[in-house]
Amino acid sequence: MDSLPKTSHDHHERIEAHVDRLPVLAGMIGRATPAELDAAFELEYGFVVGQLVPHMAAIEATLYGELERLMERRHSMAPMRAEHEQLRRLVDALGEYRVRVAGGNLGREDEIGLRRVLYRLYSLLKVHLAEEELYLGVLDHNLSTEEKAVLARGIDHAGAEPL
């Protein structure tokens, strides 16, 4: 079992590889063939629903409560949880575009809307993941090795499947 910082850093590194493809996917809209766009969309959509969303749930269930306890509730994790809700809404929006992408039926308004969703997802994830890295430092400096191992196991199952 890896340490908490290593486990989380490995997860973030794998997540960021997909996150960095979101603007590339947005750039394909209106330029790539419908089949190319669909294949790229399905790859990233599969990552988002199959890995990112479970990762967010694992982080909320394991790390956020511990962070609030350590900071004696002076600094709530409510903003981070709110960002997770924003991310879930963006994921839902991606799901709404999925059928139209698969059918090659994106109209001009759909193209603009899907680009917005992808760029918003990208920008929110970049900032959110960077902030999570800062919070990991709080945990790393304030918990015992055993406590960190418990948290690492709690988030590691979310990355059991390849990202």
N, C-alpha and C. Protein backbone atom coordinates (compact mmCIF):
# COMPACT_ATOMS: atom_id res chain seq x y z
N MET A 1 0.86 -1.19 0.00
CA MET A 1 0.00 0.00 0.00
C MET A 1 0.89 1.23 0.00
N ASP A 2 0.63 2.13 -0.95
CA ASP A 2 1.38 3.38 -1.02
C ASP A 2 0.92 4.34 0.07
N SER A 3 1.70 5.37 0.29
CA SER A 3 1.35 6.40 1.25
C SER A 3 0.20 7.23 0.71
N LEU A 4 -0.44 7.98 1.60
CA LEU A 4 -1.55 8.83 1.19
C LEU A 4 -1.12 9.84 0.13
N PRO A 5 -0.02 10.58 0.34
CA PRO A 5 0.37 11.54 -0.69
C PRO A 5 0.67 10.85 -2.03
N LYS A 6 1.33 9.71 -1.99
CA LYS A 6 1.66 9.00 -3.24
C LYS A 6 0.40 8.49 -3.92
N THR A 7 -0.49 7.88 -3.16
CA THR A 7 -1.74 7.37 -3.72
C THR A 7 -2.52 8.50 -4.37
N SER A 8 -2.68 9.60 -3.65
CA SER A 8 -3.46 10.72 -4.18
C SER A 8 -2.76 11.35 -5.37
N HIS A 9 -1.46 11.52 -5.28
CA HIS A 9 -0.71 12.11 -6.39
C HIS A 9 -0.82 11.23 -7.64
N ASP A 10 -0.73 9.92 -7.47
CA ASP A 10 -0.87 9.00 -8.61
C ASP A 10 -2.26 9.13 -9.24
N HIS A 11 -3.29 9.22 -8.39
CA HIS A 11 -4.65 9.39 -8.91
C HIS A 11 -4.75 10.69 -9.70
N HIS A 12 -4.25 11.77 -9.11
CA HIS A 12 -4.32 13.08 -9.77
C HIS A 12 -3.57 13.08 -11.09
N GLU A 13 -2.43 12.42 -11.12
CA GLU A 13 -1.64 12.37 -12.35
C GLU A 13 -2.42 11.66 -13.46
N ARG A 14 -3.06 10.56 -13.12
CA ARG A 14 -3.86 9.83 -14.12
C ARG A 14 -5.09 10.62 -14.52
N ILE A 15 -5.71 11.30 -13.56
CA ILE A 15 -6.88 12.13 -13.86
C ILE A 15 -6.47 13.28 -14.77
N GLU A 16 -5.37 13.93 -14.46
CA GLU A 16 -4.95 15.10 -15.25
C GLU A 16 -4.67 14.75 -16.70
N ALA A 17 -4.20 13.53 -16.96
CA ALA A 17 -3.98 13.13 -18.35
C ALA A 17 -5.29 13.19 -19.14
N HIS A 18 -6.38 12.80 -18.52
CA HIS A 18 -7.69 12.89 -19.18
C HIS A 18 -8.20 14.33 -19.20
N VAL A 19 -8.02 15.02 -18.10
CA VAL A 19 -8.46 16.42 -18.02
C VAL A 19 -7.81 17.23 -19.14
N ASP A 20 -6.54 17.00 -19.38
CA ASP A 20 -5.83 17.75 -20.41
C ASP A 20 -6.33 17.43 -21.82
N ARG A 21 -7.06 16.35 -21.97
CA ARG A 21 -7.63 16.02 -23.29
C ARG A 21 -8.98 16.69 -23.52
N LEU A 22 -9.59 17.24 -22.48
CA LEU A 22 -10.91 17.87 -22.64
C LEU A 22 -10.89 19.06 -23.61
N PRO A 23 -9.91 19.97 -23.53
CA PRO A 23 -9.89 21.05 -24.53
C PRO A 23 -9.59 20.54 -25.94
N VAL A 24 -8.83 19.47 -26.04
CA VAL A 24 -8.56 18.86 -27.35
C VAL A 24 -9.87 18.34 -27.93
N LEU A 25 -10.65 17.68 -27.09
CA LEU A 25 -11.96 17.19 -27.51
C LEU A 25 -12.85 18.35 -27.95
N ALA A 26 -12.85 19.42 -27.18
CA ALA A 26 -13.65 20.60 -27.54
C ALA A 26 -13.23 21.15 -28.89
N GLY A 27 -11.92 21.14 -29.16
CA GLY A 27 -11.41 21.62 -30.45
C GLY A 27 -11.80 20.75 -31.62
N MET A 28 -12.15 19.50 -31.36
CA MET A 28 -12.56 18.59 -32.43
C MET A 28 -13.98 18.88 -32.91
N ILE A 29 -14.77 19.52 -32.06
CA ILE A 29 -16.17 19.76 -32.40
C ILE A 29 -16.25 20.67 -33.62
N GLY A 30 -16.97 20.19 -34.62
CA GLY A 30 -17.13 20.95 -35.86
C GLY A 30 -15.97 20.78 -36.83
N ARG A 31 -14.94 20.06 -36.42
CA ARG A 31 -13.77 19.86 -37.28
C ARG A 31 -13.55 18.39 -37.62
N ALA A 32 -13.73 17.53 -36.65
CA ALA A 32 -13.50 16.10 -36.84
C ALA A 32 -14.73 15.47 -37.49
N THR A 33 -14.54 14.28 -38.03
CA THR A 33 -15.69 13.55 -38.56
C THR A 33 -16.57 13.15 -37.39
N PRO A 34 -17.85 12.90 -37.63
CA PRO A 34 -18.71 12.44 -36.53
C PRO A 34 -18.17 11.19 -35.85
N ALA A 35 -17.61 10.26 -36.61
CA ALA A 35 -17.07 9.03 -36.01
C ALA A 35 -15.86 9.32 -35.13
N GLU A 36 -14.98 10.22 -35.58
CA GLU A 36 -13.81 10.58 -34.78
C GLU A 36 -14.22 11.27 -33.49
N LEU A 37 -15.17 12.20 -33.61
CA LEU A 37 -15.65 12.91 -32.43
C LEU A 37 -16.31 11.95 -31.46
N ASP A 38 -17.13 11.06 -31.98
CA ASP A 38 -17.81 10.09 -31.12
C ASP A 38 -16.81 9.21 -30.37
N ALA A 39 -15.79 8.72 -31.06
CA ALA A 39 -14.80 7.85 -30.42
C ALA A 39 -14.05 8.60 -29.31
N ALA A 40 -13.65 9.82 -29.58
CA ALA A 40 -12.93 10.62 -28.58
C ALA A 40 -13.86 10.98 -27.42
N PHE A 41 -15.10 11.33 -27.74
CA PHE A 41 -16.07 11.68 -26.71
C PHE A 41 -16.31 10.48 -25.79
N GLU A 42 -16.53 9.30 -26.38
CA GLU A 42 -16.82 8.12 -25.58
C GLU A 42 -15.66 7.76 -24.66
N LEU A 43 -14.44 7.93 -25.14
CA LEU A 43 -13.27 7.65 -24.30
C LEU A 43 -13.27 8.54 -23.07
N GLU A 44 -13.45 9.84 -23.26
CA GLU A 44 -13.39 10.77 -22.13
C GLU A 44 -14.66 10.70 -21.28
N TYR A 45 -15.80 10.47 -21.90
CA TYR A 45 -17.03 10.32 -21.12
C TYR A 45 -16.93 9.08 -20.23
N GLY A 46 -16.39 8.00 -20.78
CA GLY A 46 -16.21 6.79 -19.99
C GLY A 46 -15.29 7.03 -18.80
N PHE A 47 -14.23 7.79 -19.02
CA PHE A 47 -13.34 8.16 -17.91
C PHE A 47 -14.11 8.96 -16.86
N VAL A 48 -14.84 9.96 -17.30
CA VAL A 48 -15.53 10.86 -16.36
C VAL A 48 -16.52 10.09 -15.49
N VAL A 49 -17.37 9.27 -16.12
CA VAL A 49 -18.39 8.58 -15.33
C VAL A 49 -17.84 7.35 -14.62
N GLY A 50 -16.83 6.71 -15.21
CA GLY A 50 -16.31 5.47 -14.64
C GLY A 50 -15.21 5.67 -13.62
N GLN A 51 -14.49 6.79 -13.69
CA GLN A 51 -13.36 6.99 -12.80
C GLN A 51 -13.44 8.29 -12.00
N LEU A 52 -13.71 9.39 -12.69
CA LEU A 52 -13.71 10.67 -12.01
C LEU A 52 -14.81 10.78 -10.96
N VAL A 53 -16.02 10.43 -11.33
CA VAL A 53 -17.13 10.54 -10.38
C VAL A 53 -16.91 9.63 -9.17
N PRO A 54 -16.50 8.36 -9.36
CA PRO A 54 -16.20 7.54 -8.17
C PRO A 54 -15.03 8.11 -7.34
N HIS A 55 -14.04 8.68 -8.00
CA HIS A 55 -12.92 9.31 -7.28
C HIS A 55 -13.44 10.45 -6.40
N MET A 56 -14.33 11.28 -6.93
CA MET A 56 -14.87 12.39 -6.14
C MET A 56 -15.61 11.85 -4.92
N ALA A 57 -16.41 10.82 -5.12
CA ALA A 57 -17.15 10.25 -3.99
C ALA A 57 -16.20 9.70 -2.93
N ALA A 58 -15.14 9.03 -3.36
CA ALA A 58 -14.17 8.49 -2.41
C ALA A 58 -13.46 9.59 -1.64
N ILE A 59 -13.11 10.67 -2.32
CA ILE A 59 -12.44 11.80 -1.67
C ILE A 59 -13.37 12.43 -0.63
N GLU A 60 -14.62 12.63 -1.01
CA GLU A 60 -15.58 13.21 -0.07
C GLU A 60 -15.76 12.31 1.15
N ALA A 61 -15.86 11.01 0.91
CA ALA A 61 -16.13 10.07 2.00
C ALA A 61 -14.94 9.87 2.92
N THR A 62 -13.74 10.05 2.41
CA THR A 62 -12.56 9.76 3.24
C THR A 62 -11.82 11.00 3.70
N LEU A 63 -11.48 11.87 2.79
CA LEU A 63 -10.58 12.97 3.13
C LEU A 63 -11.27 14.20 3.70
N TYR A 64 -12.41 14.59 3.15
CA TYR A 64 -12.99 15.87 3.54
C TYR A 64 -13.40 15.92 5.01
N GLY A 65 -14.00 14.87 5.51
CA GLY A 65 -14.38 14.84 6.93
C GLY A 65 -13.16 14.93 7.84
N GLU A 66 -12.11 14.23 7.46
CA GLU A 66 -10.87 14.26 8.26
C GLU A 66 -10.24 15.65 8.23
N LEU A 67 -10.29 16.30 7.08
CA LEU A 67 -9.75 17.66 7.00
C LEU A 67 -10.55 18.62 7.88
N GLU A 68 -11.87 18.50 7.86
CA GLU A 68 -12.69 19.36 8.72
C GLU A 68 -12.38 19.11 10.20
N ARG A 69 -12.20 17.86 10.56
CA ARG A 69 -11.86 17.54 11.95
C ARG A 69 -10.52 18.17 12.33
N LEU A 70 -9.52 18.01 11.46
CA LEU A 70 -8.19 18.55 11.75
C LEU A 70 -8.21 20.07 11.88
N MET A 71 -8.99 20.71 11.06
CA MET A 71 -9.03 22.17 11.09
C MET A 71 -10.10 22.69 12.04
N GLU A 72 -10.59 21.78 12.88
CA GLU A 72 -11.58 22.11 13.91
C GLU A 72 -12.75 22.91 13.34
N ARG A 73 -13.15 22.53 12.17
CA ARG A 73 -14.31 23.13 11.48
C ARG A 73 -14.15 24.63 11.22
N ARG A 74 -12.94 25.16 11.42
CA ARG A 74 -12.71 26.58 11.12
C ARG A 74 -12.69 26.81 9.63
N HIS A 75 -12.25 25.82 8.91
CA HIS A 75 -12.21 25.92 7.46
C HIS A 75 -13.01 24.75 6.90
N SER A 76 -14.21 25.02 6.49
CA SER A 76 -15.11 23.99 6.00
C SER A 76 -14.68 23.51 4.62
N MET A 77 -14.98 22.29 4.33
CA MET A 77 -14.75 21.73 3.01
C MET A 77 -15.97 21.97 2.11
N ALA A 78 -16.90 22.79 2.58
CA ALA A 78 -18.11 23.08 1.80
C ALA A 78 -17.79 23.61 0.40
N PRO A 79 -16.80 24.51 0.22
CA PRO A 79 -16.51 24.96 -1.14
C PRO A 79 -16.04 23.83 -2.05
N MET A 80 -15.26 22.91 -1.51
CA MET A 80 -14.79 21.78 -2.32
C MET A 80 -15.96 20.84 -2.65
N ARG A 81 -16.83 20.63 -1.68
CA ARG A 81 -18.02 19.80 -1.95
C ARG A 81 -18.91 20.48 -2.99
N ALA A 82 -19.04 21.79 -2.90
CA ALA A 82 -19.84 22.53 -3.87
C ALA A 82 -19.25 22.40 -5.28
N GLU A 83 -17.93 22.40 -5.36
CA GLU A 83 -17.29 22.20 -6.67
C GLU A 83 -17.57 20.79 -7.19
N HIS A 84 -17.60 19.81 -6.30
CA HIS A 84 -17.95 18.47 -6.74
C HIS A 84 -19.37 18.45 -7.31
N GLU A 85 -20.27 19.19 -6.69
CA GLU A 85 -21.64 19.26 -7.22
C GLU A 85 -21.65 19.93 -8.59
N GLN A 86 -20.87 20.99 -8.76
CA GLN A 86 -20.76 21.63 -10.07
C GLN A 86 -20.22 20.64 -11.10
N LEU A 87 -19.21 19.88 -10.70
CA LEU A 87 -18.64 18.89 -11.60
C LEU A 87 -19.68 17.84 -11.97
N ARG A 88 -20.48 17.41 -11.01
CA ARG A 88 -21.52 16.42 -11.31
C ARG A 88 -22.55 16.99 -12.28
N ARG A 89 -22.89 18.25 -12.13
CA ARG A 89 -23.84 18.87 -13.08
C ARG A 89 -23.24 18.92 -14.48
N LEU A 90 -21.95 19.22 -14.57
CA LEU A 90 -21.28 19.23 -15.87
C LEU A 90 -21.24 17.82 -16.47
N VAL A 91 -21.02 16.83 -15.65
CA VAL A 91 -21.04 15.44 -16.12
C VAL A 91 -22.43 15.09 -16.64
N ASP A 92 -23.45 15.50 -15.90
CA ASP A 92 -24.83 15.28 -16.37
C ASP A 92 -25.06 15.94 -17.72
N ALA A 93 -24.54 17.15 -17.88
CA ALA A 93 -24.68 17.86 -19.16
C ALA A 93 -23.98 17.11 -20.28
N LEU A 94 -22.79 16.55 -19.99
CA LEU A 94 -22.10 15.74 -21.00
C LEU A 94 -22.99 14.57 -21.41
N GLY A 95 -23.63 13.95 -20.44
CA GLY A 95 -24.51 12.83 -20.73
C GLY A 95 -25.67 13.22 -21.64
N GLU A 96 -26.14 14.45 -21.50
CA GLU A 96 -27.22 14.93 -22.36
C GLU A 96 -26.77 15.08 -23.81
N TYR A 97 -25.52 15.37 -24.02
CA TYR A 97 -24.99 15.52 -25.38
C TYR A 97 -24.59 14.17 -26.00
N ARG A 98 -24.45 13.17 -25.20
CA ARG A 98 -23.90 11.90 -25.64
C ARG A 98 -24.65 11.29 -26.83
N VAL A 99 -25.95 11.23 -26.77
CA VAL A 99 -26.74 10.63 -27.85
C VAL A 99 -26.56 11.41 -29.14
N ARG A 100 -26.55 12.73 -29.05
CA ARG A 100 -26.39 13.55 -30.26
C ARG A 100 -24.99 13.41 -30.85
N VAL A 101 -23.98 13.29 -29.99
CA VAL A 101 -22.62 13.08 -30.49
C VAL A 101 -22.56 11.72 -31.19
N ALA A 102 -23.09 10.69 -30.55
CA ALA A 102 -23.05 9.34 -31.11
C ALA A 102 -23.78 9.26 -32.45
N GLY A 103 -24.86 10.01 -32.56
CA GLY A 103 -25.64 9.99 -33.81
C GLY A 103 -25.14 10.96 -34.86
N GLY A 104 -24.10 11.72 -34.52
CA GLY A 104 -23.61 12.74 -35.46
C GLY A 104 -24.61 13.85 -35.68
N ASN A 105 -25.43 14.10 -34.65
CA ASN A 105 -26.53 15.07 -34.77
C ASN A 105 -26.31 16.33 -33.95
N LEU A 106 -25.11 16.84 -33.92
CA LEU A 106 -24.86 18.09 -33.19
C LEU A 106 -25.18 19.27 -34.09
N GLY A 107 -26.16 20.05 -33.68
CA GLY A 107 -26.43 21.29 -34.38
C GLY A 107 -25.46 22.37 -33.91
N ARG A 108 -25.54 23.53 -34.51
CA ARG A 108 -24.62 24.63 -34.15
C ARG A 108 -24.75 24.99 -32.67
N GLU A 109 -25.97 25.07 -32.16
CA GLU A 109 -26.16 25.38 -30.74
C GLU A 109 -25.58 24.29 -29.86
N ASP A 110 -25.76 23.03 -30.28
CA ASP A 110 -25.19 21.92 -29.53
C ASP A 110 -23.67 21.99 -29.50
N GLU A 111 -23.08 22.33 -30.63
CA GLU A 111 -21.62 22.44 -30.69
C GLU A 111 -21.11 23.47 -29.69
N ILE A 112 -21.76 24.61 -29.67
CA ILE A 112 -21.37 25.67 -28.74
C ILE A 112 -21.58 25.21 -27.29
N GLY A 113 -22.72 24.61 -27.02
CA GLY A 113 -23.02 24.15 -25.67
C GLY A 113 -22.07 23.08 -25.18
N LEU A 114 -21.75 22.14 -26.05
CA LEU A 114 -20.83 21.07 -25.66
C LEU A 114 -19.43 21.62 -25.41
N ARG A 115 -19.01 22.55 -26.25
CA ARG A 115 -17.70 23.19 -26.00
C ARG A 115 -17.69 23.86 -24.63
N ARG A 116 -18.75 24.57 -24.31
CA ARG A 116 -18.83 25.24 -23.00
C ARG A 116 -18.69 24.25 -21.86
N VAL A 117 -19.41 23.15 -21.97
CA VAL A 117 -19.36 22.14 -20.91
C VAL A 117 -17.94 21.60 -20.78
N LEU A 118 -17.32 21.26 -21.89
CA LEU A 118 -15.97 20.69 -21.85
C LEU A 118 -14.95 21.68 -21.29
N TYR A 119 -15.01 22.94 -21.71
CA TYR A 119 -14.07 23.93 -21.19
C TYR A 119 -14.32 24.23 -19.72
N ARG A 120 -15.57 24.26 -19.30
CA ARG A 120 -15.87 24.49 -17.88
C ARG A 120 -15.39 23.32 -17.03
N LEU A 121 -15.63 22.11 -17.52
CA LEU A 121 -15.17 20.93 -16.82
C LEU A 121 -13.65 20.96 -16.68
N TYR A 122 -12.98 21.29 -17.75
CA TYR A 122 -11.51 21.38 -17.75
C TYR A 122 -11.02 22.41 -16.73
N SER A 123 -11.55 23.61 -16.80
CA SER A 123 -11.03 24.67 -15.93
C SER A 123 -11.34 24.39 -14.46
N LEU A 124 -12.52 23.92 -14.17
CA LEU A 124 -12.87 23.62 -12.79
C LEU A 124 -12.01 22.48 -12.24
N LEU A 125 -11.79 21.46 -13.05
CA LEU A 125 -10.97 20.34 -12.60
C LEU A 125 -9.52 20.75 -12.35
N LYS A 126 -8.96 21.58 -13.22
CA LYS A 126 -7.57 22.01 -13.03
C LYS A 126 -7.39 22.72 -11.69
N VAL A 127 -8.27 23.65 -11.39
CA VAL A 127 -8.18 24.40 -10.14
C VAL A 127 -8.48 23.50 -8.95
N HIS A 128 -9.49 22.68 -9.07
CA HIS A 128 -9.91 21.81 -7.97
C HIS A 128 -8.82 20.81 -7.59
N LEU A 129 -8.23 20.19 -8.60
CA LEU A 129 -7.17 19.21 -8.32
C LEU A 129 -5.95 19.88 -7.68
N ALA A 130 -5.62 21.08 -8.11
CA ALA A 130 -4.50 21.81 -7.51
C ALA A 130 -4.80 22.12 -6.04
N GLU A 131 -6.02 22.49 -5.74
CA GLU A 131 -6.38 22.79 -4.35
C GLU A 131 -6.38 21.51 -3.50
N GLU A 132 -6.84 20.41 -4.07
CA GLU A 132 -6.80 19.15 -3.33
C GLU A 132 -5.36 18.79 -2.94
N GLU A 133 -4.42 19.06 -3.83
CA GLU A 133 -3.01 18.78 -3.52
C GLU A 133 -2.57 19.57 -2.28
N LEU A 134 -3.04 20.80 -2.15
CA LEU A 134 -2.70 21.60 -0.96
C LEU A 134 -3.27 20.98 0.31
N TYR A 135 -4.51 20.51 0.22
CA TYR A 135 -5.12 19.89 1.39
C TYR A 135 -4.42 18.59 1.77
N LEU A 136 -3.87 17.91 0.80
CA LEU A 136 -3.13 16.69 1.11
C LEU A 136 -1.94 16.99 2.02
N GLY A 137 -1.34 18.14 1.83
CA GLY A 137 -0.25 18.55 2.71
C GLY A 137 -0.69 18.69 4.15
N VAL A 138 -1.90 19.20 4.35
CA VAL A 138 -2.44 19.32 5.70
C VAL A 138 -2.56 17.94 6.33
N LEU A 139 -3.11 17.00 5.57
CA LEU A 139 -3.25 15.64 6.10
C LEU A 139 -1.89 15.00 6.35
N ASP A 140 -0.98 15.18 5.42
CA ASP A 140 0.33 14.56 5.52
C ASP A 140 1.09 15.04 6.76
N HIS A 141 0.94 16.30 7.10
CA HIS A 141 1.68 16.87 8.23
C HIS A 141 0.99 16.70 9.57
N ASN A 142 -0.26 16.25 9.56
CA ASN A 142 -1.00 16.21 10.82
C ASN A 142 -1.53 14.85 11.22
N LEU A 143 -1.31 13.84 10.40
CA LEU A 143 -1.82 12.51 10.73
C LEU A 143 -0.67 11.54 10.93
N SER A 144 -0.97 10.50 11.68
CA SER A 144 0.03 9.44 11.87
C SER A 144 0.12 8.60 10.59
N THR A 145 1.14 7.81 10.50
CA THR A 145 1.32 6.92 9.36
C THR A 145 0.13 5.98 9.23
N GLU A 146 -0.36 5.48 10.34
CA GLU A 146 -1.51 4.56 10.32
C GLU A 146 -2.77 5.27 9.83
N GLU A 147 -3.00 6.49 10.32
CA GLU A 147 -4.18 7.24 9.88
C GLU A 147 -4.13 7.53 8.39
N LYS A 148 -2.95 7.89 7.91
CA LYS A 148 -2.79 8.15 6.47
C LYS A 148 -3.01 6.88 5.66
N ALA A 149 -2.57 5.75 6.19
CA ALA A 149 -2.75 4.48 5.48
C ALA A 149 -4.24 4.14 5.34
N VAL A 150 -5.00 4.41 6.38
CA VAL A 150 -6.45 4.16 6.34
C VAL A 150 -7.09 5.03 5.25
N LEU A 151 -6.71 6.31 5.21
CA LEU A 151 -7.26 7.20 4.18
C LEU A 151 -6.82 6.78 2.79
N ALA A 152 -5.57 6.37 2.65
CA ALA A 152 -5.07 5.93 1.34
C ALA A 152 -5.86 4.73 0.85
N ARG A 153 -6.15 3.77 1.74
CA ARG A 153 -6.97 2.61 1.35
C ARG A 153 -8.36 3.06 0.95
N GLY A 154 -8.88 4.07 1.62
CA GLY A 154 -10.22 4.57 1.32
C GLY A 154 -10.35 5.18 -0.06
N ILE A 155 -9.28 5.83 -0.52
CA ILE A 155 -9.35 6.43 -1.86
C ILE A 155 -8.78 5.53 -2.94
N ASP A 156 -7.97 4.56 -2.54
CA ASP A 156 -7.31 3.71 -3.54
C ASP A 156 -8.30 2.86 -4.32
N HIS A 157 -9.39 2.43 -3.67
CA HIS A 157 -10.35 1.59 -4.40
C HIS A 157 -10.99 2.33 -5.57
N ALA A 158 -11.05 3.66 -5.48
CA ALA A 158 -11.65 4.43 -6.57
C ALA A 158 -10.78 4.39 -7.81
N GLY A 159 -9.51 4.10 -7.65
CA GLY A 159 -8.61 4.02 -8.80
C GLY A 159 -8.23 2.60 -9.15
N ALA A 160 -9.03 1.64 -8.65
CA ALA A 160 -8.70 0.24 -8.90
C ALA A 160 -8.70 -0.10 -10.38
N GLU A 161 -9.60 0.52 -11.13
CA GLU A 161 -9.63 0.33 -12.57
C GLU A 161 -8.69 1.35 -13.19
N PRO A 162 -8.04 1.01 -14.28
CA PRO A 162 -7.13 1.98 -14.92
C PRO A 162 -7.84 3.25 -15.31
N LEU A 163 -7.21 4.38 -15.04
CA LEU A 163 -7.79 5.68 -15.39
C LEU A 163 -7.47 6.03 -16.82
